Amino acid sequence: MEEKNTRNDPFDVLGRLMNRIYQMTHEERLSLLNQLEHDFFARETSLEERSFERKPCTIAVDYADIDRVFTDYIRDISPSGAFMLSKHGFQLGEEVFLRINFPEEQNPFKIPAQVVRTTPEGVGLKFKFKSKVQQEIITSLIENIRKRPPE
C-alpha cells in the first residue's frame, strides 16, 4: 500500500506546529511570537509599499518547468507583478517564464518573472522586464482590463 505524503497538508502542518509550540518553554514561545509578529508587520509594510495598485482578475497563464507545461490563473495583476493561484511548489527567488493570456488579445504576453512571495494558494510574482516597451505593453493591457464593464 502506498503511504500518503501529508507533509504539505495544511492540517498536518498546523498539527506539527502546535506540537512543537507545546514543547517550547514560555520564553521560547514569546521569542517565536515576537519573530512572527515582526515578519508579519514587515510583510504588510512591503505590500503597502507597492508602486502600483493590483487589479483583481482571472487571467489564464502558462508556464513551464524542465519537462512539463502548467496552466494556472492570475488572481490580481499590476504593471509590476501579479499573484498567481497555483498548487505547484515554488521557491523564493525562482524565475519563471510566463505566457499571460489576456482576454480579447490575439497573442499571449510573454514575460519572465521572479517569485517574491509564496502562500498555500499561490505565488507573488515580480515581472522582470527586458525593455521599457514590455512594461508599457503590460500597463496598457492592464488598463484595458480596468475599462471593461463588470460581467
C-alpha atoms as a PDB file:
ATOM      1  CA  MET A   1       0.000   0.000   0.000  1.00  0.00           C
ATOM      2  CA  GLU A   2       1.313   3.460  -0.928  1.00  0.00           C
ATOM      3  CA  GLU A   3       1.834   5.811   2.022  1.00  0.00           C
ATOM      4  CA  LYS A   4       0.197   9.220   1.551  1.00  0.00           C
ATOM      5  CA  ASN A   5       2.576  12.176   1.952  1.00  0.00           C
ATOM      6  CA  THR A   6       0.894  14.649   4.319  1.00  0.00           C
ATOM      7  CA  ARG A   7       3.876  16.963   4.971  1.00  0.00           C
ATOM      8  CA  ASN A   8       2.262  19.755   2.905  1.00  0.00           C
ATOM      9  CA  ASP A   9      -1.289  19.171   4.102  1.00  0.00           C
ATOM     10  CA  PRO A  10      -2.381  22.361   5.933  1.00  0.00           C
ATOM     11  CA  PHE A  11      -3.909  20.428   8.834  1.00  0.00           C
ATOM     12  CA  ASP A  12      -0.794  18.281   9.222  1.00  0.00           C
ATOM     13  CA  VAL A  13       1.391  21.396   9.179  1.00  0.00           C
ATOM     14  CA  LEU A  14      -0.745  23.102  11.843  1.00  0.00           C
ATOM     15  CA  GLY A  15      -0.726  19.979  13.980  1.00  0.00           C
ATOM     16  CA  ARG A  16       3.048  19.665  13.765  1.00  0.00           C
ATOM     17  CA  LEU A  17       3.461  23.379  14.553  1.00  0.00           C
ATOM     18  CA  MET A  18       1.193  23.141  17.603  1.00  0.00           C
ATOM     19  CA  ASN A  19       3.077  20.084  18.822  1.00  0.00           C
ATOM     20  CA  ARG A  20       6.402  21.947  18.583  1.00  0.00           C
ATOM     21  CA  ILE A  21       4.959  25.045  20.292  1.00  0.00           C
ATOM     22  CA  TYR A  22       3.623  22.973  23.207  1.00  0.00           C
ATOM     23  CA  GLN A  23       7.121  21.568  23.697  1.00  0.00           C
ATOM     24  CA  MET A  24       8.657  25.071  23.991  1.00  0.00           C
ATOM     25  CA  THR A  25       9.328  26.998  27.153  1.00  0.00           C
ATOM     26  CA  HIS A  26       7.376  30.196  27.810  1.00  0.00           C
ATOM     27  CA  GLU A  27      10.423  32.283  26.796  1.00  0.00           C
ATOM     28  CA  GLU A  28      10.812  30.342  23.527  1.00  0.00           C
ATOM     29  CA  ARG A  29       7.127  30.910  22.752  1.00  0.00           C
ATOM     30  CA  LEU A  30       7.483  34.656  23.387  1.00  0.00           C
ATOM     31  CA  SER A  31      10.543  34.781  21.153  1.00  0.00           C
ATOM     32  CA  LEU A  32       8.707  32.913  18.393  1.00  0.00           C
ATOM     33  CA  LEU A  33       5.673  35.193  18.727  1.00  0.00           C
ATOM     34  CA  ASN A  34       7.878  38.295  18.521  1.00  0.00           C
ATOM     35  CA  GLN A  35       9.581  36.952  15.392  1.00  0.00           C
ATOM     36  CA  LEU A  36       6.264  36.053  13.740  1.00  0.00           C
ATOM     37  CA  GLU A  37       4.774  39.469  14.522  1.00  0.00           C
ATOM     38  CA  HIS A  38       7.903  41.180  13.208  1.00  0.00           C
ATOM     39  CA  ASP A  39       7.762  39.137   9.982  1.00  0.00           C
ATOM     40  CA  PHE A  40       4.027  39.793   9.597  1.00  0.00           C
ATOM     41  CA  PHE A  41       4.485  43.541  10.080  1.00  0.00           C
ATOM     42  CA  ALA A  42       7.385  43.581   7.583  1.00  0.00           C
ATOM     43  CA  ARG A  43       5.273  41.691   5.033  1.00  0.00           C
ATOM     44  CA  GLU A  44       2.295  44.022   5.474  1.00  0.00           C
ATOM     45  CA  THR A  45       4.574  47.048   5.139  1.00  0.00           C
ATOM     46  CA  SER A  46       6.112  45.707   1.917  1.00  0.00           C
ATOM     47  CA  LEU A  47       2.646  45.042   0.465  1.00  0.00           C
ATOM     48  CA  GLU A  48       1.606  48.619   1.294  1.00  0.00           C
ATOM     49  CA  GLU A  49       4.708  49.972  -0.447  1.00  0.00           C
ATOM     50  CA  ARG A  50       3.788  48.565  -3.849  1.00  0.00           C
ATOM     51  CA  SER A  51       4.324  51.005  -6.679  1.00  0.00           C
ATOM     52  CA  PHE A  52       1.056  50.077  -8.378  1.00  0.00           C
ATOM     53  CA  GLU A  53      -2.402  49.063  -7.240  1.00  0.00           C
ATOM     54  CA  ARG A  54      -3.297  45.455  -8.013  1.00  0.00           C
ATOM     55  CA  LYS A  55      -6.280  44.850 -10.319  1.00  0.00           C
ATOM     56  CA  PRO A  56      -8.448  41.828  -9.374  1.00  0.00           C
ATOM     57  CA  CYS A  57      -8.881  39.500 -12.346  1.00  0.00           C
ATOM     58  CA  THR A  58      -8.961  35.913 -13.555  1.00  0.00           C
ATOM     59  CA  ILE A  59      -6.457  35.509 -16.368  1.00  0.00           C
ATOM     60  CA  ALA A  60      -5.046  32.202 -17.627  1.00  0.00           C
ATOM     61  CA  VAL A  61      -1.260  31.937 -17.534  1.00  0.00           C
ATOM     62  CA  ASP A  62       1.007  29.192 -18.861  1.00  0.00           C
ATOM     63  CA  TYR A  63       4.485  28.433 -17.522  1.00  0.00           C
ATOM     64  CA  ALA A  64       6.882  25.528 -17.720  1.00  0.00           C
ATOM     65  CA  ASP A  65       9.462  23.667 -15.738  1.00  0.00           C
ATOM     66  CA  ILE A  66      12.034  21.308 -17.250  1.00  0.00           C
ATOM     67  CA  ASP A  67       9.574  18.730 -18.564  1.00  0.00           C
ATOM     68  CA  ARG A  68       6.013  19.988 -18.117  1.00  0.00           C
ATOM     69  CA  VAL A  69       3.793  22.926 -19.030  1.00  0.00           C
ATOM     70  CA  PHE A  70       1.291  24.204 -16.478  1.00  0.00           C
ATOM     71  CA  THR A  71      -1.775  26.409 -16.772  1.00  0.00           C
ATOM     72  CA  ASP A  72      -2.894  28.357 -13.722  1.00  0.00           C
ATOM     73  CA  TYR A  73      -4.667  31.653 -13.142  1.00  0.00           C
ATOM     74  CA  ILE A  74      -3.632  35.151 -12.153  1.00  0.00           C
ATOM     75  CA  ARG A  75      -5.845  36.450  -9.332  1.00  0.00           C
ATOM     76  CA  ASP A  76      -4.599  40.037  -9.397  1.00  0.00           C
ATOM     77  CA  ILE A  77      -2.156  41.983 -11.522  1.00  0.00           C
ATOM     78  CA  SER A  78      -0.358  45.318 -11.718  1.00  0.00           C
ATOM     79  CA  PRO A  79       2.274  46.747 -14.072  1.00  0.00           C
ATOM     80  CA  SER A  80       4.973  45.465 -11.700  1.00  0.00           C
ATOM     81  CA  GLY A  81       3.739  41.956 -10.860  1.00  0.00           C
ATOM     82  CA  ALA A  82       0.924  39.523 -10.208  1.00  0.00           C
ATOM     83  CA  PHE A  83      -0.410  36.942  -7.791  1.00  0.00           C
ATOM     84  CA  MET A  84      -0.832  33.546  -9.439  1.00  0.00           C
ATOM     85  CA  LEU A  85      -3.026  30.837  -7.958  1.00  0.00           C
ATOM     86  CA  SER A  86      -1.048  27.603  -8.113  1.00  0.00           C
ATOM     87  CA  LYS A  87      -0.524  24.327  -6.286  1.00  0.00           C
ATOM     88  CA  HIS A  88       2.866  23.925  -7.978  1.00  0.00           C
ATOM     89  CA  GLY A  89       5.730  24.291  -5.487  1.00  0.00           C
ATOM     90  CA  PHE A  90       7.915  27.381  -5.976  1.00  0.00           C
ATOM     91  CA  GLN A  91      10.978  28.696  -4.182  1.00  0.00           C
ATOM     92  CA  LEU A  92      11.556  32.351  -3.286  1.00  0.00           C
ATOM     93  CA  GLY A  93      13.789  33.913  -5.916  1.00  0.00           C
ATOM     94  CA  GLU A  94      12.917  31.292  -8.538  1.00  0.00           C
ATOM     95  CA  GLU A  95      12.486  32.679 -12.048  1.00  0.00           C
ATOM     96  CA  VAL A  96       9.596  31.527 -14.233  1.00  0.00           C
ATOM     97  CA  PHE A  97       8.721  32.407 -17.801  1.00  0.00           C
ATOM     98  CA  LEU A  98       5.052  33.350 -18.094  1.00  0.00           C
ATOM     99  CA  ARG A  99       2.733  33.407 -21.066  1.00  0.00           C
ATOM    100  CA  ILE A 100      -0.229  35.526 -19.972  1.00  0.00           C
ATOM    101  CA  ASN A 101      -3.421  35.079 -21.995  1.00  0.00           C
ATOM    102  CA  PHE A 102      -5.094  38.477 -21.661  1.00  0.00           C
ATOM    103  CA  PRO A 103      -8.809  38.454 -22.561  1.00  0.00           C
ATOM    104  CA  GLU A 104      -9.632  39.699 -26.046  1.00  0.00           C
ATOM    105  CA  GLU A 105      -5.963  39.692 -27.113  1.00  0.00           C
ATOM    106  CA  GLN A 106      -4.794  37.668 -30.102  1.00  0.00           C
ATOM    107  CA  ASN A 107      -1.287  36.943 -28.822  1.00  0.00           C
ATOM    108  CA  PRO A 108      -0.294  35.985 -25.277  1.00  0.00           C
ATOM    109  CA  PHE A 109       2.048  38.367 -23.444  1.00  0.00           C
ATOM    110  CA  LYS A 110       5.355  36.661 -22.613  1.00  0.00           C
ATOM    111  CA  ILE A 111       7.433  37.840 -19.653  1.00  0.00           C
ATOM    112  CA  PRO A 112       9.923  36.407 -17.171  1.00  0.00           C
ATOM    113  CA  ALA A 113       9.017  36.863 -13.517  1.00  0.00           C
ATOM    114  CA  GLN A 114      10.611  36.214 -10.150  1.00  0.00           C
ATOM    115  CA  VAL A 115       8.872  34.543  -7.206  1.00  0.00           C
ATOM    116  CA  VAL A 116       8.828  37.112  -4.381  1.00  0.00           C
ATOM    117  CA  ARG A 117       6.198  35.549  -2.097  1.00  0.00           C
ATOM    118  CA  THR A 118       4.748  32.083  -1.580  1.00  0.00           C
ATOM    119  CA  THR A 119       1.477  31.135   0.118  1.00  0.00           C
ATOM    120  CA  PRO A 120      -0.534  27.918   0.268  1.00  0.00           C
ATOM    121  CA  GLU A 121      -2.784  29.236  -2.522  1.00  0.00           C
ATOM    122  CA  GLY A 122      -0.112  30.526  -4.885  1.00  0.00           C
ATOM    123  CA  VAL A 123       2.805  32.877  -5.530  1.00  0.00           C
ATOM    124  CA  GLY A 124       3.517  36.565  -5.750  1.00  0.00           C
ATOM    125  CA  LEU A 125       5.480  37.349  -8.896  1.00  0.00           C
ATOM    126  CA  LYS A 126       7.542  40.391  -9.849  1.00  0.00           C
ATOM    127  CA  PHE A 127       7.864  40.965 -13.586  1.00  0.00           C
ATOM    128  CA  LYS A 128      11.422  41.055 -14.978  1.00  0.00           C
ATOM    129  CA  PHE A 129      11.098  43.449 -17.895  1.00  0.00           C
ATOM    130  CA  LYS A 130      13.640  43.178 -20.700  1.00  0.00           C
ATOM    131  CA  SER A 131      12.666  46.582 -22.094  1.00  0.00           C
ATOM    132  CA  LYS A 132      10.616  49.699 -21.435  1.00  0.00           C
ATOM    133  CA  VAL A 133       8.351  48.622 -24.312  1.00  0.00           C
ATOM    134  CA  GLN A 134       7.409  45.423 -22.439  1.00  0.00           C
ATOM    135  CA  GLN A 135       6.456  47.478 -19.391  1.00  0.00           C
ATOM    136  CA  GLU A 136       4.350  49.860 -21.491  1.00  0.00           C
ATOM    137  CA  ILE A 137       2.566  46.946 -23.202  1.00  0.00           C
ATOM    138  CA  ILE A 138       1.597  45.240 -19.951  1.00  0.00           C
ATOM    139  CA  THR A 139       0.485  48.571 -18.452  1.00  0.00           C
ATOM    140  CA  SER A 140      -1.766  49.102 -21.476  1.00  0.00           C
ATOM    141  CA  LEU A 141      -3.185  45.567 -21.274  1.00  0.00           C
ATOM    142  CA  ILE A 142      -3.973  46.044 -17.569  1.00  0.00           C
ATOM    143  CA  GLU A 143      -5.647  49.399 -18.251  1.00  0.00           C
ATOM    144  CA  ASN A 144      -7.898  47.648 -20.771  1.00  0.00           C
ATOM    145  CA  ILE A 145      -8.984  45.229 -18.024  1.00  0.00           C
ATOM    146  CA  ARG A 146      -9.962  48.186 -15.848  1.00  0.00           C
ATOM    147  CA  LYS A 147     -12.061  49.768 -18.607  1.00  0.00           C
ATOM    148  CA  ARG A 148     -14.175  46.686 -19.267  1.00  0.00           C
ATOM    149  CA  PRO A 149     -17.571  46.740 -17.569  1.00  0.00           C
ATOM    150  CA  PRO A 150     -18.063  44.084 -14.863  1.00  0.00           C
ATOM    151  CA  GLU A 151     -19.648  40.866 -16.120  1.00  0.00           C
END
